[in-house]
Amino acid sequence: MMNKNTSNSSNDIKYANLHETEEKRLKEIEQQFNSEFGTEYYLMVMKKA
């Protein structure tokens, strides 16, 4: 089970600065996940503090 960490403010979120190849791969994984599980989720990548 995934560890649930929450943020009190959207200002605390630091999105990862992905390179083009990383972003493309993430979209492929997202598409595969949704296809496999019949969902419509978006994956969000944040920089670890």
N, C-alpha and C. Protein backbone atom coordinates (compact mmCIF):
# COMPACT_ATOMS: atom_id res chain seq x y z
N MET A 1 0.85 -1.18 0.00
CA MET A 1 0.00 0.00 0.00
C MET A 1 0.89 1.24 0.00
N MET A 2 0.48 2.23 -0.73
CA MET A 2 1.25 3.45 -0.86
C MET A 2 1.15 4.30 0.41
N ASN A 3 2.24 4.88 0.83
CA ASN A 3 2.26 5.77 1.98
C ASN A 3 1.54 7.06 1.62
N LYS A 4 0.57 7.46 2.41
CA LYS A 4 -0.21 8.66 2.10
C LYS A 4 0.36 9.86 2.84
N ASN A 5 1.07 10.70 2.12
CA ASN A 5 1.56 11.96 2.66
C ASN A 5 0.76 13.07 2.04
N THR A 6 0.27 13.98 2.85
CA THR A 6 -0.53 15.08 2.32
C THR A 6 0.16 16.40 2.57
N SER A 7 -0.21 17.36 1.78
CA SER A 7 0.34 18.71 1.89
C SER A 7 -0.79 19.63 2.33
N ASN A 8 -0.48 20.56 3.21
CA ASN A 8 -1.49 21.51 3.66
C ASN A 8 -1.72 22.62 2.66
N SER A 9 -0.82 22.79 1.73
CA SER A 9 -0.93 23.88 0.78
C SER A 9 -0.39 23.45 -0.57
N SER A 10 -1.06 23.90 -1.62
CA SER A 10 -0.56 23.58 -2.96
C SER A 10 0.77 24.27 -3.21
N ASN A 11 1.10 25.27 -2.40
CA ASN A 11 2.39 25.95 -2.53
C ASN A 11 3.54 25.05 -2.12
N ASP A 12 3.25 24.01 -1.33
CA ASP A 12 4.28 23.09 -0.86
C ASP A 12 4.71 22.11 -1.95
N ILE A 13 3.91 21.99 -3.01
CA ILE A 13 4.18 21.02 -4.06
C ILE A 13 5.26 21.54 -5.00
N LYS A 14 6.26 20.71 -5.24
CA LYS A 14 7.32 21.04 -6.19
C LYS A 14 7.31 19.97 -7.27
N TYR A 15 6.77 20.31 -8.43
CA TYR A 15 6.69 19.35 -9.52
C TYR A 15 8.09 19.06 -10.07
N ALA A 16 8.29 17.83 -10.48
CA ALA A 16 9.57 17.43 -11.04
C ALA A 16 9.76 18.07 -12.41
N ASN A 17 10.97 18.49 -12.68
CA ASN A 17 11.32 19.05 -13.98
C ASN A 17 11.84 17.90 -14.84
N LEU A 18 10.93 17.29 -15.61
CA LEU A 18 11.27 16.10 -16.38
C LEU A 18 11.88 16.48 -17.73
N HIS A 19 12.83 15.66 -18.16
CA HIS A 19 13.35 15.79 -19.52
C HIS A 19 12.31 15.22 -20.47
N GLU A 20 12.41 15.55 -21.73
CA GLU A 20 11.43 15.11 -22.73
C GLU A 20 11.27 13.59 -22.75
N THR A 21 12.38 12.86 -22.67
CA THR A 21 12.31 11.40 -22.71
C THR A 21 11.64 10.85 -21.45
N GLU A 22 11.88 11.48 -20.30
CA GLU A 22 11.24 11.04 -19.06
C GLU A 22 9.73 11.29 -19.11
N GLU A 23 9.35 12.45 -19.62
CA GLU A 23 7.93 12.78 -19.73
C GLU A 23 7.22 11.81 -20.68
N LYS A 24 7.86 11.50 -21.80
CA LYS A 24 7.29 10.56 -22.77
C LYS A 24 7.10 9.19 -22.13
N ARG A 25 8.09 8.72 -21.39
CA ARG A 25 8.01 7.41 -20.73
C ARG A 25 6.91 7.40 -19.68
N LEU A 26 6.78 8.48 -18.93
CA LEU A 26 5.73 8.57 -17.91
C LEU A 26 4.35 8.48 -18.56
N LYS A 27 4.17 9.14 -19.69
CA LYS A 27 2.89 9.08 -20.41
C LYS A 27 2.61 7.66 -20.90
N GLU A 28 3.66 6.95 -21.33
CA GLU A 28 3.49 5.55 -21.75
C GLU A 28 3.05 4.68 -20.58
N ILE A 29 3.67 4.88 -19.43
CA ILE A 29 3.31 4.12 -18.23
C ILE A 29 1.88 4.44 -17.82
N GLU A 30 1.53 5.71 -17.86
CA GLU A 30 0.18 6.15 -17.51
C GLU A 30 -0.86 5.48 -18.43
N GLN A 31 -0.58 5.47 -19.72
CA GLN A 31 -1.49 4.87 -20.69
C GLN A 31 -1.61 3.36 -20.45
N GLN A 32 -0.49 2.70 -20.20
CA GLN A 32 -0.49 1.26 -19.94
C GLN A 32 -1.29 0.95 -18.67
N PHE A 33 -1.09 1.73 -17.63
CA PHE A 33 -1.79 1.54 -16.36
C PHE A 33 -3.30 1.66 -16.57
N ASN A 34 -3.72 2.72 -17.25
CA ASN A 34 -5.14 2.95 -17.48
C ASN A 34 -5.75 1.86 -18.35
N SER A 35 -5.01 1.40 -19.33
CA SER A 35 -5.49 0.34 -20.21
C SER A 35 -5.65 -0.97 -19.44
N GLU A 36 -4.66 -1.28 -18.61
CA GLU A 36 -4.68 -2.53 -17.86
C GLU A 36 -5.78 -2.57 -16.81
N PHE A 37 -6.03 -1.44 -16.15
CA PHE A 37 -6.98 -1.41 -15.04
C PHE A 37 -8.32 -0.77 -15.39
N GLY A 38 -8.49 -0.34 -16.64
CA GLY A 38 -9.76 0.26 -17.06
C GLY A 38 -10.07 1.55 -16.33
N THR A 39 -9.03 2.34 -16.09
CA THR A 39 -9.19 3.60 -15.35
C THR A 39 -8.83 4.78 -16.23
N GLU A 40 -9.06 5.96 -15.72
CA GLU A 40 -8.64 7.20 -16.39
C GLU A 40 -7.95 8.08 -15.35
N TYR A 41 -6.75 7.66 -14.96
CA TYR A 41 -5.98 8.39 -13.96
C TYR A 41 -4.83 9.13 -14.62
N TYR A 42 -4.42 10.22 -14.00
CA TYR A 42 -3.22 10.93 -14.41
C TYR A 42 -2.16 10.69 -13.35
N LEU A 43 -0.95 10.45 -13.78
CA LEU A 43 0.16 10.30 -12.84
C LEU A 43 0.85 11.65 -12.70
N MET A 44 1.15 12.02 -11.47
CA MET A 44 1.80 13.29 -11.19
C MET A 44 3.14 12.99 -10.53
N VAL A 45 4.18 13.63 -11.00
CA VAL A 45 5.51 13.42 -10.45
C VAL A 45 5.93 14.68 -9.72
N MET A 46 6.31 14.49 -8.45
CA MET A 46 6.75 15.62 -7.65
C MET A 46 8.18 15.37 -7.20
N LYS A 47 8.91 16.43 -7.01
CA LYS A 47 10.28 16.34 -6.53
C LYS A 47 10.27 16.01 -5.04
N LYS A 48 11.08 15.03 -4.67
CA LYS A 48 11.17 14.63 -3.27
C LYS A 48 11.91 15.71 -2.50
N ALA A 49 11.35 16.09 -1.37
CA ALA A 49 11.95 17.16 -0.55
C ALA A 49 13.16 16.67 0.20
